[in-house]
Amino acid sequence: MTMIQLFSIGFSLCFTIMVFYYIYKARLKEAYALIWVVTNLFFLGLSLWQDGLNWLSKFIGIYYPPAALFLVLFGGVLLILLQFSCVLSRRADDVKKLSQRLALLEEKMSRAEKGK
């Protein structure tokens, strides 16, 4: 094993431990952690399988393996950003609905106070 391979395996294992620690401490929801764990397992697999990056680059049709790795990283970041955008959109809708319900409740309370 080369030094860079050992470093990437160590980094992947440390990152996996960190993700599970954040799940345990309830700082990271399981739905979000799934993306991080799957991504990390992919990179751990590439770290353990020495010819994996070469195979992946040939499969994609890229002749320079680090460029294939960059493409995969970029695609992963785009997927994570898409998921976060969906979550933010849902949360914005939730805030809007809660604000509307609060406004209706305040209106009901002010009418009830005027009726006394």
PDB file of N, CA and C in Angstrom:
ATOM      1  N   MET A   1       0.837  -1.185   0.000  1.00  0.00           N
ATOM      2  CA  MET A   1       0.000   0.000   0.000  1.00  0.00           C
ATOM      3  C   MET A   1       0.879   1.243   0.000  1.00  0.00           C
ATOM      4  N   THR A   2       0.430   2.206  -0.742  1.00  0.00           N
ATOM      5  CA  THR A   2       1.178   3.457  -0.795  1.00  0.00           C
ATOM      6  C   THR A   2       0.744   4.364   0.346  1.00  0.00           C
ATOM      7  N   MET A   3       1.521   5.394   0.572  1.00  0.00           N
ATOM      8  CA  MET A   3       1.224   6.336   1.658  1.00  0.00           C
ATOM      9  C   MET A   3      -0.093   7.061   1.418  1.00  0.00           C
ATOM     10  N   ILE A   4      -0.361   7.449   0.169  1.00  0.00           N
ATOM     11  CA  ILE A   4      -1.620   8.153  -0.125  1.00  0.00           C
ATOM     12  C   ILE A   4      -2.808   7.233   0.070  1.00  0.00           C
ATOM     13  N   GLN A   5      -2.646   5.948  -0.221  1.00  0.00           N
ATOM     14  CA  GLN A   5      -3.732   4.993  -0.012  1.00  0.00           C
ATOM     15  C   GLN A   5      -4.008   4.836   1.482  1.00  0.00           C
ATOM     16  N   LEU A   6      -2.955   4.719   2.277  1.00  0.00           N
ATOM     17  CA  LEU A   6      -3.148   4.623   3.722  1.00  0.00           C
ATOM     18  C   LEU A   6      -3.796   5.885   4.287  1.00  0.00           C
ATOM     19  N   PHE A   7      -3.378   7.034   3.782  1.00  0.00           N
ATOM     20  CA  PHE A   7      -3.967   8.295   4.233  1.00  0.00           C
ATOM     21  C   PHE A   7      -5.451   8.362   3.878  1.00  0.00           C
ATOM     22  N   SER A   8      -5.811   7.969   2.653  1.00  0.00           N
ATOM     23  CA  SER A   8      -7.211   8.044   2.242  1.00  0.00           C
ATOM     24  C   SER A   8      -8.066   7.036   3.002  1.00  0.00           C
ATOM     25  N   ILE A   9      -7.538   5.862   3.315  1.00  0.00           N
ATOM     26  CA  ILE A   9      -8.273   4.894   4.123  1.00  0.00           C
ATOM     27  C   ILE A   9      -8.475   5.444   5.530  1.00  0.00           C
ATOM     28  N   GLY A  10      -7.427   5.993   6.114  1.00  0.00           N
ATOM     29  CA  GLY A  10      -7.538   6.575   7.450  1.00  0.00           C
ATOM     30  C   GLY A  10      -8.519   7.731   7.500  1.00  0.00           C
ATOM     31  N   PHE A  11      -8.455   8.597   6.492  1.00  0.00           N
ATOM     32  CA  PHE A  11      -9.383   9.729   6.438  1.00  0.00           C
ATOM     33  C   PHE A  11     -10.823   9.246   6.299  1.00  0.00           C
ATOM     34  N   SER A  12     -11.053   8.252   5.440  1.00  0.00           N
ATOM     35  CA  SER A  12     -12.409   7.724   5.256  1.00  0.00           C
ATOM     36  C   SER A  12     -12.940   7.111   6.543  1.00  0.00           C
ATOM     37  N   LEU A  13     -12.098   6.374   7.244  1.00  0.00           N
ATOM     38  CA  LEU A  13     -12.534   5.770   8.504  1.00  0.00           C
ATOM     39  C   LEU A  13     -12.822   6.826   9.565  1.00  0.00           C
ATOM     40  N   CYS A  14     -11.976   7.837   9.656  1.00  0.00           N
ATOM     41  CA  CYS A  14     -12.211   8.931  10.612  1.00  0.00           C
ATOM     42  C   CYS A  14     -13.488   9.687  10.276  1.00  0.00           C
ATOM     43  N   PHE A  15     -13.722   9.903   8.999  1.00  0.00           N
ATOM     44  CA  PHE A  15     -14.930  10.605   8.587  1.00  0.00           C
ATOM     45  C   PHE A  15     -16.170   9.779   8.908  1.00  0.00           C
ATOM     46  N   THR A  16     -16.101   8.465   8.714  1.00  0.00           N
ATOM     47  CA  THR A  16     -17.223   7.589   9.051  1.00  0.00           C
ATOM     48  C   THR A  16     -17.500   7.642  10.544  1.00  0.00           C
ATOM     49  N   ILE A  17     -16.477   7.586  11.351  1.00  0.00           N
ATOM     50  CA  ILE A  17     -16.643   7.676  12.806  1.00  0.00           C
ATOM     51  C   ILE A  17     -17.273   9.015  13.181  1.00  0.00           C
ATOM     52  N   MET A  18     -16.829  10.089  12.541  1.00  0.00           N
ATOM     53  CA  MET A  18     -17.371  11.409  12.832  1.00  0.00           C
ATOM     54  C   MET A  18     -18.860  11.494  12.470  1.00  0.00           C
ATOM     55  N   VAL A  19     -19.254  10.931  11.338  1.00  0.00           N
ATOM     56  CA  VAL A  19     -20.665  10.947  10.937  1.00  0.00           C
ATOM     57  C   VAL A  19     -21.502  10.181  11.952  1.00  0.00           C
ATOM     58  N   PHE A  20     -21.049   8.997  12.351  1.00  0.00           N
ATOM     59  CA  PHE A  20     -21.809   8.217  13.333  1.00  0.00           C
ATOM     60  C   PHE A  20     -21.839   8.896  14.701  1.00  0.00           C
ATOM     61  N   TYR A  21     -20.793   9.599  15.061  1.00  0.00           N
ATOM     62  CA  TYR A  21     -20.781  10.359  16.309  1.00  0.00           C
ATOM     63  C   TYR A  21     -21.829  11.475  16.265  1.00  0.00           C
ATOM     64  N   TYR A  22     -21.900  12.174  15.124  1.00  0.00           N
ATOM     65  CA  TYR A  22     -22.902  13.239  14.993  1.00  0.00           C
ATOM     66  C   TYR A  22     -24.319  12.679  15.008  1.00  0.00           C
ATOM     67  N   ILE A  23     -24.508  11.499  14.452  1.00  0.00           N
ATOM     68  CA  ILE A  23     -25.824  10.861  14.526  1.00  0.00           C
ATOM     69  C   ILE A  23     -26.144  10.522  15.977  1.00  0.00           C
ATOM     70  N   TYR A  24     -25.186   9.965  16.683  1.00  0.00           N
ATOM     71  CA  TYR A  24     -25.373   9.588  18.087  1.00  0.00           C
ATOM     72  C   TYR A  24     -25.707  10.802  18.952  1.00  0.00           C
ATOM     73  N   LYS A  25     -25.049  11.921  18.705  1.00  0.00           N
ATOM     74  CA  LYS A  25     -25.283  13.140  19.487  1.00  0.00           C
ATOM     75  C   LYS A  25     -26.478  13.934  18.978  1.00  0.00           C
ATOM     76  N   ALA A  26     -27.197  13.418  17.990  1.00  0.00           N
ATOM     77  CA  ALA A  26     -28.383  14.045  17.399  1.00  0.00           C
ATOM     78  C   ALA A  26     -28.069  15.396  16.751  1.00  0.00           C
ATOM     79  N   ARG A  27     -26.868  15.560  16.260  1.00  0.00           N
ATOM     80  CA  ARG A  27     -26.512  16.763  15.504  1.00  0.00           C
ATOM     81  C   ARG A  27     -26.772  16.573  14.019  1.00  0.00           C
ATOM     82  N   LEU A  28     -26.925  15.329  13.602  1.00  0.00           N
ATOM     83  CA  LEU A  28     -27.135  15.006  12.194  1.00  0.00           C
ATOM     84  C   LEU A  28     -28.273  14.010  12.108  1.00  0.00           C
ATOM     85  N   LYS A  29     -29.277  14.340  11.317  1.00  0.00           N
ATOM     86  CA  LYS A  29     -30.423  13.445  11.125  1.00  0.00           C
ATOM     87  C   LYS A  29     -30.000  12.260  10.271  1.00  0.00           C
ATOM     88  N   GLU A  30     -30.699  11.146  10.488  1.00  0.00           N
ATOM     89  CA  GLU A  30     -30.355   9.928   9.768  1.00  0.00           C
ATOM     90  C   GLU A  30     -30.537  10.072   8.266  1.00  0.00           C
ATOM     91  N   ALA A  31     -31.547  10.833   7.850  1.00  0.00           N
ATOM     92  CA  ALA A  31     -31.793  11.007   6.411  1.00  0.00           C
ATOM     93  C   ALA A  31     -30.618  11.692   5.729  1.00  0.00           C
ATOM     94  N   TYR A  32     -30.010  12.654   6.388  1.00  0.00           N
ATOM     95  CA  TYR A  32     -28.861  13.345   5.806  1.00  0.00           C
ATOM     96  C   TYR A  32     -27.603  12.493   5.946  1.00  0.00           C
ATOM     97  N   ALA A  33     -27.519  11.762   7.022  1.00  0.00           N
ATOM     98  CA  ALA A  33     -26.340  10.934   7.263  1.00  0.00           C
ATOM     99  C   ALA A  33     -26.210   9.837   6.222  1.00  0.00           C
ATOM    100  N   LEU A  34     -27.332   9.381   5.701  1.00  0.00           N
ATOM    101  CA  LEU A  34     -27.297   8.312   4.707  1.00  0.00           C
ATOM    102  C   LEU A  34     -26.480   8.727   3.486  1.00  0.00           C
ATOM    103  N   ILE A  35     -26.659   9.948   3.048  1.00  0.00           N
ATOM    104  CA  ILE A  35     -25.891  10.434   1.893  1.00  0.00           C
ATOM    105  C   ILE A  35     -24.404  10.446   2.213  1.00  0.00           C
ATOM    106  N   TRP A  36     -24.059  10.929   3.415  1.00  0.00           N
ATOM    107  CA  TRP A  36     -22.651  11.010   3.792  1.00  0.00           C
ATOM    108  C   TRP A  36     -22.027   9.625   3.949  1.00  0.00           C
ATOM    109  N   VAL A  37     -22.775   8.698   4.518  1.00  0.00           N
ATOM    110  CA  VAL A  37     -22.235   7.351   4.706  1.00  0.00           C
ATOM    111  C   VAL A  37     -22.036   6.660   3.359  1.00  0.00           C
ATOM    112  N   VAL A  38     -23.017   6.769   2.469  1.00  0.00           N
ATOM    113  CA  VAL A  38     -22.889   6.140   1.149  1.00  0.00           C
ATOM    114  C   VAL A  38     -21.719   6.746   0.377  1.00  0.00           C
ATOM    115  N   THR A  39     -21.609   8.064   0.405  1.00  0.00           N
ATOM    116  CA  THR A  39     -20.497   8.729  -0.274  1.00  0.00           C
ATOM    117  C   THR A  39     -19.161   8.288   0.312  1.00  0.00           C
ATOM    118  N   ASN A  40     -19.109   8.215   1.626  1.00  0.00           N
ATOM    119  CA  ASN A  40     -17.868   7.823   2.282  1.00  0.00           C
ATOM    120  C   ASN A  40     -17.518   6.368   1.986  1.00  0.00           C
ATOM    121  N   LEU A  41     -18.512   5.492   1.944  1.00  0.00           N
ATOM    122  CA  LEU A  41     -18.240   4.097   1.607  1.00  0.00           C
ATOM    123  C   LEU A  41     -17.728   3.961   0.178  1.00  0.00           C
ATOM    124  N   PHE A  42     -18.241   4.798  -0.715  1.00  0.00           N
ATOM    125  CA  PHE A  42     -17.746   4.801  -2.097  1.00  0.00           C
ATOM    126  C   PHE A  42     -16.263   5.165  -2.129  1.00  0.00           C
ATOM    127  N   PHE A  43     -15.900   6.222  -1.405  1.00  0.00           N
ATOM    128  CA  PHE A  43     -14.492   6.637  -1.406  1.00  0.00           C
ATOM    129  C   PHE A  43     -13.614   5.667  -0.626  1.00  0.00           C
ATOM    130  N   LEU A  44     -14.160   5.030   0.392  1.00  0.00           N
ATOM    131  CA  LEU A  44     -13.399   3.999   1.096  1.00  0.00           C
ATOM    132  C   LEU A  44     -13.138   2.818   0.161  1.00  0.00           C
ATOM    133  N   GLY A  45     -14.144   2.455  -0.633  1.00  0.00           N
ATOM    134  CA  GLY A  45     -13.966   1.389  -1.617  1.00  0.00           C
ATOM    135  C   GLY A  45     -12.898   1.737  -2.638  1.00  0.00           C
ATOM    136  N   LEU A  46     -12.902   2.987  -3.107  1.00  0.00           N
ATOM    137  CA  LEU A  46     -11.862   3.412  -4.043  1.00  0.00           C
ATOM    138  C   LEU A  46     -10.483   3.402  -3.386  1.00  0.00           C
ATOM    139  N   SER A  47     -10.445   3.711  -2.086  1.00  0.00           N
ATOM    140  CA  SER A  47      -9.159   3.705  -1.376  1.00  0.00           C
ATOM    141  C   SER A  47      -8.613   2.290  -1.226  1.00  0.00           C
ATOM    142  N   LEU A  48      -9.505   1.348  -0.951  1.00  0.00           N
ATOM    143  CA  LEU A  48      -9.062  -0.030  -0.753  1.00  0.00           C
ATOM    144  C   LEU A  48      -8.742  -0.733  -2.068  1.00  0.00           C
ATOM    145  N   TRP A  49      -9.499  -0.458  -3.094  1.00  0.00           N
ATOM    146  CA  TRP A  49      -9.312  -1.091  -4.404  1.00  0.00           C
ATOM    147  C   TRP A  49      -8.403  -0.193  -5.230  1.00  0.00           C
ATOM    148  N   GLN A  50      -7.150  -0.602  -5.354  1.00  0.00           N
ATOM    149  CA  GLN A  50      -6.138   0.247  -5.982  1.00  0.00           C
ATOM    150  C   GLN A  50      -6.453   0.571  -7.436  1.00  0.00           C
ATOM    151  N   ASP A  51      -6.987  -0.364  -8.171  1.00  0.00           N
ATOM    152  CA  ASP A  51      -7.274  -0.122  -9.585  1.00  0.00           C
ATOM    153  C   ASP A  51      -8.701   0.374  -9.803  1.00  0.00           C
ATOM    154  N   GLY A  52      -9.417   0.659  -8.714  1.00  0.00           N
ATOM    155  CA  GLY A  52     -10.804   1.096  -8.835  1.00  0.00           C
ATOM    156  C   GLY A  52     -10.960   2.409  -9.570  1.00  0.00           C
ATOM    157  N   LEU A  53     -10.089   3.353  -9.272  1.00  0.00           N
ATOM    158  CA  LEU A  53     -10.171   4.652  -9.934  1.00  0.00           C
ATOM    159  C   LEU A  53      -9.829   4.527 -11.414  1.00  0.00           C
ATOM    160  N   ASN A  54      -8.859   3.679 -11.732  1.00  0.00           N
ATOM    161  CA  ASN A  54      -8.526   3.451 -13.146  1.00  0.00           C
ATOM    162  C   ASN A  54      -9.700   2.804 -13.875  1.00  0.00           C
ATOM    163  N   TRP A  55     -10.344   1.815 -13.233  1.00  0.00           N
ATOM    164  CA  TRP A  55     -11.498   1.158 -13.833  1.00  0.00           C
ATOM    165  C   TRP A  55     -12.643   2.146 -14.024  1.00  0.00           C
ATOM    166  N   LEU A  56     -12.892   2.967 -12.996  1.00  0.00           N
ATOM    167  CA  LEU A  56     -13.975   3.943 -13.065  1.00  0.00           C
ATOM    168  C   LEU A  56     -13.730   4.951 -14.189  1.00  0.00           C
ATOM    169  N   SER A  57     -12.500   5.414 -14.304  1.00  0.00           N
ATOM    170  CA  SER A  57     -12.204   6.400 -15.357  1.00  0.00           C
ATOM    171  C   SER A  57     -12.349   5.780 -16.745  1.00  0.00           C
ATOM    172  N   LYS A  58     -11.936   4.527 -16.913  1.00  0.00           N
ATOM    173  CA  LYS A  58     -12.118   3.865 -18.205  1.00  0.00           C
ATOM    174  C   LYS A  58     -13.592   3.617 -18.489  1.00  0.00           C
ATOM    175  N   PHE A  59     -14.355   3.282 -17.448  1.00  0.00           N
ATOM    176  CA  PHE A  59     -15.788   3.034 -17.608  1.00  0.00           C
ATOM    177  C   PHE A  59     -16.514   4.296 -18.051  1.00  0.00           C
ATOM    178  N   ILE A  60     -16.135   5.431 -17.469  1.00  0.00           N
ATOM    179  CA  ILE A  60     -16.757   6.708 -17.823  1.00  0.00           C
ATOM    180  C   ILE A  60     -16.243   7.196 -19.179  1.00  0.00           C
ATOM    181  N   GLY A  61     -15.022   6.822 -19.514  1.00  0.00           N
ATOM    182  CA  GLY A  61     -14.436   7.261 -20.776  1.00  0.00           C
ATOM    183  C   GLY A  61     -13.482   8.427 -20.612  1.00  0.00           C
ATOM    184  N   ILE A  62     -12.941   8.555 -19.415  1.00  0.00           N
ATOM    185  CA  ILE A  62     -11.982   9.618 -19.120  1.00  0.00           C
ATOM    186  C   ILE A  62     -10.608   8.971 -18.994  1.00  0.00           C
ATOM    187  N   TYR A  63      -9.614   9.540 -19.666  1.00  0.00           N
ATOM    188  CA  TYR A  63      -8.297   8.912 -19.695  1.00  0.00           C
ATOM    189  C   TYR A  63      -7.404   9.300 -18.525  1.00  0.00           C
ATOM    190  N   TYR A  64      -7.765  10.336 -17.802  1.00  0.00           N
ATOM    191  CA  TYR A  64      -6.954  10.791 -16.664  1.00  0.00           C
ATOM    192  C   TYR A  64      -7.748  10.496 -15.382  1.00  0.00           C
ATOM    193  N   PRO A  65      -7.366   9.468 -14.612  1.00  0.00           N
ATOM    194  CA  PRO A  65      -8.157   9.043 -13.451  1.00  0.00           C
ATOM    195  C   PRO A  65      -8.466  10.141 -12.428  1.00  0.00           C
ATOM    196  N   PRO A  66      -7.548  11.055 -12.094  1.00  0.00           N
ATOM    197  CA  PRO A  66      -7.936  12.114 -11.153  1.00  0.00           C
ATOM    198  C   PRO A  66      -9.074  12.995 -11.673  1.00  0.00           C
ATOM    199  N   ALA A  67      -9.180  13.147 -12.983  1.00  0.00           N
ATOM    200  CA  ALA A  67     -10.291  13.919 -13.550  1.00  0.00           C
ATOM    201  C   ALA A  67     -11.613  13.183 -13.321  1.00  0.00           C
ATOM    202  N   ALA A  68     -11.592  11.861 -13.402  1.00  0.00           N
ATOM    203  CA  ALA A  68     -12.800  11.079 -13.127  1.00  0.00           C
ATOM    204  C   ALA A  68     -13.205  11.215 -11.663  1.00  0.00           C
ATOM    205  N   LEU A  69     -12.211  11.221 -10.786  1.00  0.00           N
ATOM    206  CA  LEU A  69     -12.496  11.406  -9.362  1.00  0.00           C
ATOM    207  C   LEU A  69     -13.104  12.782  -9.115  1.00  0.00           C
ATOM    208  N   PHE A  70     -12.576  13.792  -9.769  1.00  0.00           N
ATOM    209  CA  PHE A  70     -13.122  15.139  -9.641  1.00  0.00           C
ATOM    210  C   PHE A  70     -14.561  15.190 -10.145  1.00  0.00           C
ATOM    211  N   LEU A  71     -14.839  14.508 -11.248  1.00  0.00           N
ATOM    212  CA  LEU A  71     -16.195  14.464 -11.792  1.00  0.00           C
ATOM    213  C   LEU A  71     -17.153  13.788 -10.810  1.00  0.00           C
ATOM    214  N   VAL A  72     -16.728  12.697 -10.208  1.00  0.00           N
ATOM    215  CA  VAL A  72     -17.568  12.002  -9.229  1.00  0.00           C
ATOM    216  C   VAL A  72     -17.795  12.883  -7.999  1.00  0.00           C
ATOM    217  N   LEU A  73     -16.740  13.544  -7.532  1.00  0.00           N
ATOM    218  CA  LEU A  73     -16.892  14.460  -6.393  1.00  0.00           C
ATOM    219  C   LEU A  73     -17.868  15.589  -6.716  1.00  0.00           C
ATOM    220  N   PHE A  74     -17.745  16.162  -7.892  1.00  0.00           N
ATOM    221  CA  PHE A  74     -18.632  17.247  -8.303  1.00  0.00           C
ATOM    222  C   PHE A  74     -20.075  16.761  -8.379  1.00  0.00           C
ATOM    223  N   GLY A  75     -20.296  15.580  -8.922  1.00  0.00           N
ATOM    224  CA  GLY A  75     -21.644  15.010  -8.983  1.00  0.00           C
ATOM    225  C   GLY A  75     -22.214  14.765  -7.594  1.00  0.00           C
ATOM    226  N   GLY A  76     -21.376  14.280  -6.670  1.00  0.00           N
ATOM    227  CA  GLY A  76     -21.828  14.065  -5.294  1.00  0.00           C
ATOM    228  C   GLY A  76     -22.215  15.361  -4.608  1.00  0.00           C
ATOM    229  N   VAL A  77     -21.421  16.394  -4.824  1.00  0.00           N
ATOM    230  CA  VAL A  77     -21.733  17.701  -4.231  1.00  0.00           C
ATOM    231  C   VAL A  77     -23.043  18.241  -4.802  1.00  0.00           C
ATOM    232  N   LEU A  78     -23.259  18.060  -6.098  1.00  0.00           N
ATOM    233  CA  LEU A  78     -24.517  18.504  -6.693  1.00  0.00           C
ATOM    234  C   LEU A  78     -25.720  17.763  -6.102  1.00  0.00           C
ATOM    235  N   LEU A  79     -25.580  16.460  -5.873  1.00  0.00           N
ATOM    236  CA  LEU A  79     -26.682  15.699  -5.265  1.00  0.00           C
ATOM    237  C   LEU A  79     -26.968  16.171  -3.843  1.00  0.00           C
ATOM    238  N   ILE A  80     -25.917  16.434  -3.094  1.00  0.00           N
ATOM    239  CA  ILE A  80     -26.096  16.922  -1.724  1.00  0.00           C
ATOM    240  C   ILE A  80     -26.754  18.301  -1.737  1.00  0.00           C
ATOM    241  N   LEU A  81     -26.331  19.168  -2.639  1.00  0.00           N
ATOM    242  CA  LEU A  81     -26.944  20.496  -2.751  1.00  0.00           C
ATOM    243  C   LEU A  81     -28.408  20.401  -3.159  1.00  0.00           C
ATOM    244  N   LEU A  82     -28.730  19.466  -4.040  1.00  0.00           N
ATOM    245  CA  LEU A  82     -30.124  19.268  -4.443  1.00  0.00           C
ATOM    246  C   LEU A  82     -30.975  18.826  -3.258  1.00  0.00           C
ATOM    247  N   GLN A  83     -30.453  17.894  -2.467  1.00  0.00           N
ATOM    248  CA  GLN A  83     -31.204  17.442  -1.301  1.00  0.00           C
ATOM    249  C   GLN A  83     -31.405  18.584  -0.306  1.00  0.00           C
ATOM    250  N   PHE A  84     -30.372  19.360  -0.062  1.00  0.00           N
ATOM    251  CA  PHE A  84     -30.502  20.482   0.866  1.00  0.00           C
ATOM    252  C   PHE A  84     -31.484  21.527   0.336  1.00  0.00           C
ATOM    253  N   SER A  85     -31.498  21.742  -0.960  1.00  0.00           N
ATOM    254  CA  SER A  85     -32.457  22.681  -1.535  1.00  0.00           C
ATOM    255  C   SER A  85     -33.887  22.188  -1.345  1.00  0.00           C
ATOM    256  N   CYS A  86     -34.091  20.890  -1.511  1.00  0.00           N
ATOM    257  CA  CYS A  86     -35.428  20.329  -1.281  1.00  0.00           C
ATOM    258  C   CYS A  86     -35.842  20.481   0.176  1.00  0.00           C
ATOM    259  N   VAL A  87     -34.932  20.234   1.087  1.00  0.00           N
ATOM    260  CA  VAL A  87     -35.229  20.373   2.513  1.00  0.00           C
ATOM    261  C   VAL A  87     -35.544  21.829   2.847  1.00  0.00           C
ATOM    262  N   LEU A  88     -34.758  22.758   2.331  1.00  0.00           N
ATOM    263  CA  LEU A  88     -35.007  24.178   2.580  1.00  0.00           C
ATOM    264  C   LEU A  88     -36.353  24.617   2.016  1.00  0.00           C
ATOM    265  N   SER A  89     -36.703  24.110   0.853  1.00  0.00           N
ATOM    266  CA  SER A  89     -37.999  24.453   0.266  1.00  0.00           C
ATOM    267  C   SER A  89     -39.146  23.951   1.139  1.00  0.00           C
ATOM    268  N   ARG A  90     -39.017  22.710   1.625  1.00  0.00           N
ATOM    269  CA  ARG A  90     -40.053  22.180   2.522  1.00  0.00           C
ATOM    270  C   ARG A  90     -40.151  22.999   3.797  1.00  0.00           C
ATOM    271  N   ARG A  91     -39.021  23.380   4.345  1.00  0.00           N
ATOM    272  CA  ARG A  91     -39.021  24.167   5.583  1.00  0.00           C
ATOM    273  C   ARG A  91     -39.628  25.544   5.365  1.00  0.00           C
ATOM    274  N   ALA A  92     -39.361  26.146   4.212  1.00  0.00           N
ATOM    275  CA  ALA A  92     -39.952  27.450   3.904  1.00  0.00           C
ATOM    276  C   ALA A  92     -41.472  27.336   3.810  1.00  0.00           C
ATOM    277  N   ASP A  93     -41.970  26.259   3.200  1.00  0.00           N
ATOM    278  CA  ASP A  93     -43.413  26.038   3.140  1.00  0.00           C
ATOM    279  C   ASP A  93     -43.991  25.823   4.540  1.00  0.00           C
ATOM    280  N   ASP A  94     -43.269  25.081   5.373  1.00  0.00           N
ATOM    281  CA  ASP A  94     -43.728  24.857   6.751  1.00  0.00           C
ATOM    282  C   ASP A  94     -43.816  26.161   7.531  1.00  0.00           C
ATOM    283  N   VAL A  95     -42.821  27.016   7.377  1.00  0.00           N
ATOM    284  CA  VAL A  95     -42.817  28.310   8.071  1.00  0.00           C
ATOM    285  C   VAL A  95     -43.983  29.164   7.593  1.00  0.00           C
ATOM    286  N   LYS A  96     -44.243  29.140   6.305  1.00  0.00           N
ATOM    287  CA  LYS A  96     -45.357  29.913   5.755  1.00  0.00           C
ATOM    288  C   LYS A  96     -46.683  29.423   6.335  1.00  0.00           C
ATOM    289  N   LYS A  97     -46.884  28.110   6.366  1.00  0.00           N
ATOM    290  CA  LYS A  97     -48.124  27.560   6.911  1.00  0.00           C
ATOM    291  C   LYS A  97     -48.272  27.889   8.392  1.00  0.00           C
ATOM    292  N   LEU A  98     -47.185  27.776   9.142  1.00  0.00           N
ATOM    293  CA  LEU A  98     -47.248  28.096  10.568  1.00  0.00           C
ATOM    294  C   LEU A  98     -47.537  29.573  10.800  1.00  0.00           C
ATOM    295  N   SER A  99     -46.976  30.438   9.982  1.00  0.00           N
ATOM    296  CA  SER A  99     -47.240  31.874  10.106  1.00  0.00           C
ATOM    297  C   SER A  99     -48.705  32.183   9.816  1.00  0.00           C
ATOM    298  N   GLN A 100     -49.254  31.519   8.824  1.00  0.00           N
ATOM    299  CA  GLN A 100     -50.660  31.727   8.504  1.00  0.00           C
ATOM    300  C   GLN A 100     -51.567  31.234   9.637  1.00  0.00           C
ATOM    301  N   ARG A 101     -51.239  30.084  10.188  1.00  0.00           N
ATOM    302  CA  ARG A 101     -52.040  29.563  11.302  1.00  0.00           C
ATOM    303  C   ARG A 101     -51.936  30.464  12.528  1.00  0.00           C
ATOM    304  N   LEU A 102     -50.759  30.989  12.781  1.00  0.00           N
ATOM    305  CA  LEU A 102     -50.574  31.899  13.902  1.00  0.00           C
ATOM    306  C   LEU A 102     -51.388  33.168  13.704  1.00  0.00           C
ATOM    307  N   ALA A 103     -51.382  33.690  12.488  1.00  0.00           N
ATOM    308  CA  ALA A 103     -52.159  34.898  12.203  1.00  0.00           C
ATOM    309  C   ALA A 103     -53.652  34.638  12.406  1.00  0.00           C
ATOM    310  N   LEU A 104     -54.142  33.475  11.985  1.00  0.00           N
ATOM    311  CA  LEU A 104     -55.559  33.144  12.199  1.00  0.00           C
ATOM    312  C   LEU A 104     -55.882  33.018  13.686  1.00  0.00           C
ATOM    313  N   LEU A 105     -54.996  32.388  14.438  1.00  0.00           N
ATOM    314  CA  LEU A 105     -55.216  32.251  15.882  1.00  0.00           C
ATOM    315  C   LEU A 105     -55.205  33.610  16.578  1.00  0.00           C
ATOM    316  N   GLU A 106     -54.291  34.489  16.185  1.00  0.00           N
ATOM    317  CA  GLU A 106     -54.250  35.828  16.780  1.00  0.00           C
ATOM    318  C   GLU A 106     -55.520  36.602  16.451  1.00  0.00           C
ATOM    319  N   GLU A 107     -56.024  36.432  15.237  1.00  0.00           N
ATOM    320  CA  GLU A 107     -57.274  37.094  14.848  1.00  0.00           C
ATOM    321  C   GLU A 107     -58.440  36.578  15.688  1.00  0.00           C
ATOM    322  N   LYS A 108     -58.496  35.257  15.883  1.00  0.00           N
ATOM    323  CA  LYS A 108     -59.559  34.679  16.714  1.00  0.00           C
ATOM    324  C   LYS A 108     -59.470  35.185  18.151  1.00  0.00           C
ATOM    325  N   MET A 109     -58.257  35.278  18.670  1.00  0.00           N
ATOM    326  CA  MET A 109     -58.084  35.746  20.042  1.00  0.00           C
ATOM    327  C   MET A 109     -58.475  37.217  20.182  1.00  0.00           C
ATOM    328  N   SER A 110     -58.124  38.024  19.201  1.00  0.00           N
ATOM    329  CA  SER A 110     -58.486  39.444  19.295  1.00  0.00           C
ATOM    330  C   SER A 110     -59.998  39.624  19.171  1.00  0.00           C
ATOM    331  N   ARG A 111     -60.675  38.810  18.355  1.00  0.00           N
ATOM    332  CA  ARG A 111     -62.133  38.872  18.271  1.00  0.00           C
ATOM    333  C   ARG A 111     -62.768  38.417  19.578  1.00  0.00           C
ATOM    334  N   ALA A 112     -62.190  37.394  20.187  1.00  0.00           N
ATOM    335  CA  ALA A 112     -62.751  36.908  21.452  1.00  0.00           C
ATOM    336  C   ALA A 112     -62.583  37.927  22.557  1.00  0.00           C
ATOM    337  N   GLU A 113     -61.453  38.636  22.566  1.00  0.00           N
ATOM    338  CA  GLU A 113     -61.235  39.675  23.584  1.00  0.00           C
ATOM    339  C   GLU A 113     -62.169  40.858  23.364  1.00  0.00           C
ATOM    340  N   LYS A 114     -62.458  41.196  22.116  1.00  0.00           N
ATOM    341  CA  LYS A 114     -63.372  42.306  21.843  1.00  0.00           C
ATOM    342  C   LYS A 114     -64.797  41.934  22.213  1.00  0.00           C
ATOM    343  N   GLY A 115     -65.110  40.666  22.113  1.00  0.00           N
ATOM    344  CA  GLY A 115     -66.469  40.207  22.432  1.00  0.00           C
ATOM    345  C   GLY A 115     -66.773  40.178  23.913  1.00  0.00           C
ATOM    346  N   LYS A 116     -65.755  40.265  24.762  1.00  0.00           N
ATOM    347  CA  LYS A 116     -65.959  40.213  26.219  1.00  0.00           C
ATOM    348  C   LYS A 116     -66.504  41.456  26.750  1.00  0.00           C
TER     349      LYS A 116
END
